[in-house]
Protein backbone atom coordinates (compact mmCIF):
# COMPACT_ATOMS: atom_id res chain seq x y z
CA MET A 1 67.83 139.35 102.55
CA LYS A 2 69.97 138.84 99.49
CA ASN A 3 73.51 140.17 99.41
CA GLN A 4 73.65 143.13 97.07
CA SER A 5 77.10 143.94 95.83
CA LYS A 6 78.09 147.60 95.70
CA GLU A 7 80.97 148.88 93.61
CA ILE A 8 83.17 151.44 95.35
CA LYS A 9 85.71 153.55 93.46
CA THR A 10 88.59 155.43 95.05
CA LEU A 11 91.08 157.71 93.33
CA ARG A 12 94.49 157.21 94.95
CA LEU A 13 96.90 160.09 94.36
CA THR A 14 100.53 159.26 95.17
CA PHE A 15 103.13 161.94 95.83
CA LYS A 16 106.68 162.12 97.12
CA ASN A 17 106.90 164.09 100.34
CA GLY A 18 109.61 166.55 101.37
CA GLU A 19 111.87 163.63 102.34
CA GLY A 20 111.38 161.76 99.07
CA LYS A 21 109.09 159.13 100.64
CA LYS A 22 105.77 158.15 99.06
CA ASN A 23 102.54 159.49 100.52
CA SER A 24 99.00 158.91 99.25
CA LEU A 25 95.81 160.94 99.27
CA SER A 26 92.54 159.10 98.54
CA VAL A 27 89.30 160.51 97.14
CA GLN A 28 86.13 158.42 97.49
CA GLY A 29 83.72 158.29 94.53
CA PRO A 30 85.73 160.34 92.06
CA ALA A 31 84.18 161.81 88.93
CA GLU A 32 85.40 160.55 85.58
CA LEU A 33 88.48 162.66 84.92
CA LYS A 34 90.94 162.94 82.08
CA LYS A 35 94.63 162.31 82.68
CA GLU A 36 95.46 165.99 82.13
CA GLU A 37 92.86 167.06 84.73
CA VAL A 38 94.26 164.68 87.33
CA ILE A 39 97.83 165.81 86.68
CA GLN A 40 96.81 169.48 86.97
CA CYS A 41 94.91 168.79 90.19
CA MET A 42 97.91 166.99 91.68
CA GLN A 43 100.21 169.85 90.66
CA ASP A 44 97.80 172.31 92.29
CA ILE A 45 97.83 170.28 95.53
CA ALA A 46 101.63 170.16 95.52
CA SER A 47 102.08 173.86 94.76
CA ALA A 48 99.50 174.92 97.37
CA ASN A 49 101.98 173.71 99.97
CA ILE A 50 99.31 173.49 102.70
CA PHE A 51 99.78 169.91 103.86
CA ALA A 52 102.69 169.39 106.23
CA LYS A 53 103.55 167.31 109.26
CA GLU A 54 106.40 168.22 111.57
CA GLY A 55 107.66 170.72 109.00
CA ILE A 56 107.76 168.20 106.12
CA ASP A 57 105.60 168.76 103.02
CA LEU A 58 103.34 165.72 102.65
CA TYR A 59 102.41 166.12 98.96
CA LYS A 60 105.41 167.74 97.29
CA GLU A 61 105.87 165.93 93.96
CA PRO A 62 103.09 164.11 92.01
CA GLN A 63 104.02 160.49 91.21
CA SER A 64 100.92 158.57 90.09
CA ALA A 65 97.13 158.38 90.15
CA THR A 66 95.21 155.11 90.31
CA VAL A 67 91.49 154.35 90.36
CA VAL A 68 90.88 151.44 92.72
CA THR A 69 87.57 149.59 92.30
CA ARG A 70 86.24 147.34 95.04
CA ASN A 71 83.04 145.36 95.43
CA SER A 72 81.49 145.24 98.87
CA TYR A 73 78.40 143.62 100.27
CA ILE A 74 76.83 143.35 103.70
CA VAL A 75 77.26 139.97 105.35
CA PHE A 76 75.58 140.98 108.60
CA ASP A 77 73.85 144.16 109.81
CA ALA A 78 72.13 144.21 113.21
CA GLU A 79 70.17 147.30 112.11
CA LYS A 80 68.47 145.36 109.28
CA PRO A 81 66.91 142.14 110.56
CA THR A 82 66.60 139.43 107.95
CA ASP A 83 64.00 136.83 107.21
CA SER A 84 65.94 133.55 107.33
CA LYS A 85 63.68 132.08 104.63
CA GLN A 86 65.16 134.47 102.05
CA ASP A 87 68.86 133.84 102.84
């Protein structure tokens, strides 16, 4: 079995919470979005005011949005036996 690399993208949205500390929300496999769309989405999340912990808003003020790209590949998987001749 040959290792096949798989690219994984995550959109990381960073906000300040109700105490001014940074908090992130991650979205796996985001669509291609324009800056304005991401900003509007983050503002909508903040204004919805539905995420809180112990009375503190988690996503109060949008700070940044970053697309993180990673490459992953399977080194070992017991569910998929390999033929050692192909490794």
